[in-house]
Amino acid sequence: MNNTTATLILRERLILAIGRHVDLVIWQLPSPVRGSQHHYKYRLAYVVNDVCVLRYDNEAGKGDHRHWQQVETPYHFSSIGQLREDFLHDIKQWNFQHRDL
């Protein structure tokens, strides 16, 4: 990513509870990251007790994908709004599945 031409759209850390936080970083780019079809570079991470348990990103060459604990799967990016909605939905799912933690 060329930082001189990228525009930071969002950089935010949300503390959800003791030991749980969300990091959201989204850049708008002049051209797509290799492997993606859109003009955004993003990283949305959910961290529990210092372990990233959920992450959406579009690493150059890999394109858009999601990490659910140790499993990586492709992600179909349609918009920033939908990305955020899907990510927040997955946080709720993760918390439901791990409510005993």
Protein backbone atom coordinates (compact mmCIF):
# COMPACT_ATOMS: atom_id res chain seq x y z
CA MET A 1 0.00 0.00 0.00
CA ASN A 2 1.34 3.41 -0.92
CA ASN A 3 0.71 5.52 2.20
CA THR A 4 1.12 8.79 0.34
CA THR A 5 -1.99 8.18 -1.75
CA ALA A 6 -4.12 6.13 0.66
CA THR A 7 -6.80 7.90 2.70
CA LEU A 8 -7.59 6.67 6.20
CA ILE A 9 -11.37 6.20 6.46
CA LEU A 10 -11.58 4.66 9.95
CA ARG A 11 -9.24 3.75 12.79
CA GLU A 12 -11.04 2.84 15.96
CA ARG A 13 -10.60 0.63 19.01
CA LEU A 14 -13.73 -0.34 20.89
CA ILE A 15 -13.46 -1.88 24.35
CA LEU A 16 -16.37 -4.30 24.69
CA ALA A 17 -15.57 -5.81 28.09
CA ILE A 18 -12.57 -6.62 30.26
CA GLY A 19 -10.19 -8.53 28.01
CA ARG A 20 -12.27 -7.98 24.83
CA HIS A 21 -11.81 -5.31 22.20
CA VAL A 22 -12.39 -4.61 18.52
CA ASP A 23 -9.89 -2.90 16.20
CA LEU A 24 -11.26 -1.40 12.98
CA VAL A 25 -8.93 0.02 10.30
CA ILE A 26 -10.11 0.95 6.79
CA TRP A 27 -8.17 2.78 4.07
CA GLN A 28 -9.42 4.01 0.70
CA LEU A 29 -6.88 3.37 -2.06
CA PRO A 30 -6.38 4.77 -5.55
CA SER A 31 -6.33 1.19 -6.92
CA PRO A 32 -7.39 -2.21 -5.52
CA VAL A 33 -5.10 -4.35 -3.40
CA ARG A 34 -3.85 -7.30 -5.45
CA GLY A 35 -6.53 -9.99 -5.12
CA SER A 36 -9.42 -7.58 -4.40
CA GLN A 37 -11.82 -5.84 -6.80
CA HIS A 38 -12.55 -2.73 -4.69
CA HIS A 39 -10.55 0.32 -3.58
CA TYR A 40 -10.32 -0.45 0.15
CA LYS A 41 -7.71 -1.98 2.41
CA TYR A 42 -9.15 -3.12 5.72
CA ARG A 43 -8.47 -5.03 8.91
CA LEU A 44 -11.25 -5.68 11.40
CA ALA A 45 -10.16 -7.73 14.42
CA TYR A 46 -11.86 -9.07 17.52
CA VAL A 47 -9.38 -9.77 20.32
CA VAL A 48 -10.21 -11.79 23.44
CA ASN A 49 -7.65 -12.08 26.24
CA ASP A 50 -4.87 -10.90 23.88
CA VAL A 51 -5.75 -13.51 21.20
CA CYS A 52 -7.23 -12.47 17.85
CA VAL A 53 -10.18 -14.86 17.53
CA LEU A 54 -11.86 -13.20 14.52
CA ARG A 55 -10.42 -11.06 11.73
CA TYR A 56 -11.57 -9.81 8.36
CA ASP A 57 -8.87 -8.45 6.05
CA ASN A 58 -7.69 -8.26 2.46
CA GLU A 59 -4.00 -8.94 2.52
CA ALA A 60 -2.28 -8.28 -0.82
CA GLY A 61 -2.30 -11.43 -2.95
CA LYS A 62 -4.88 -13.22 -0.78
CA GLY A 63 -7.83 -10.94 -1.45
CA ASP A 64 -10.80 -10.62 0.87
CA HIS A 65 -10.98 -13.27 3.58
CA ARG A 66 -12.01 -14.03 7.15
CA HIS A 67 -10.11 -15.70 9.97
CA TRP A 68 -12.30 -17.50 12.51
CA GLN A 69 -9.79 -18.59 15.15
CA GLN A 70 -7.34 -20.71 13.11
CA VAL A 71 -9.52 -21.21 10.00
CA GLU A 72 -9.25 -18.86 6.99
CA THR A 73 -12.12 -18.66 4.48
CA PRO A 74 -12.82 -16.38 1.50
CA TYR A 75 -15.08 -13.38 2.08
CA HIS A 76 -17.26 -11.76 -0.58
CA PHE A 77 -16.83 -7.99 -0.15
CA SER A 78 -19.80 -5.92 -1.36
CA SER A 79 -19.54 -2.69 0.67
CA ILE A 80 -17.97 -1.18 3.79
CA GLY A 81 -21.38 -1.19 5.48
CA GLN A 82 -21.95 -4.88 4.76
CA LEU A 83 -18.39 -5.71 5.86
CA ARG A 84 -18.98 -4.06 9.23
CA GLU A 85 -22.39 -5.72 9.60
CA ASP A 86 -20.97 -9.18 8.82
CA PHE A 87 -18.08 -8.64 11.23
CA LEU A 88 -20.37 -7.51 14.09
CA HIS A 89 -22.67 -10.48 13.41
CA ASP A 90 -19.70 -12.85 13.68
CA ILE A 91 -18.65 -11.26 16.98
CA LYS A 92 -22.12 -12.01 18.35
CA GLN A 93 -21.87 -15.59 17.05
CA TRP A 94 -18.41 -16.07 18.56
CA ASN A 95 -19.58 -14.69 21.93
CA PHE A 96 -22.62 -16.97 21.88
CA GLN A 97 -20.50 -20.05 21.10
CA HIS A 98 -17.96 -19.13 23.79
CA ARG A 99 -20.30 -17.70 26.44
CA ASP A 100 -18.63 -19.84 29.11
CA LEU A 101 -15.37 -17.82 28.82
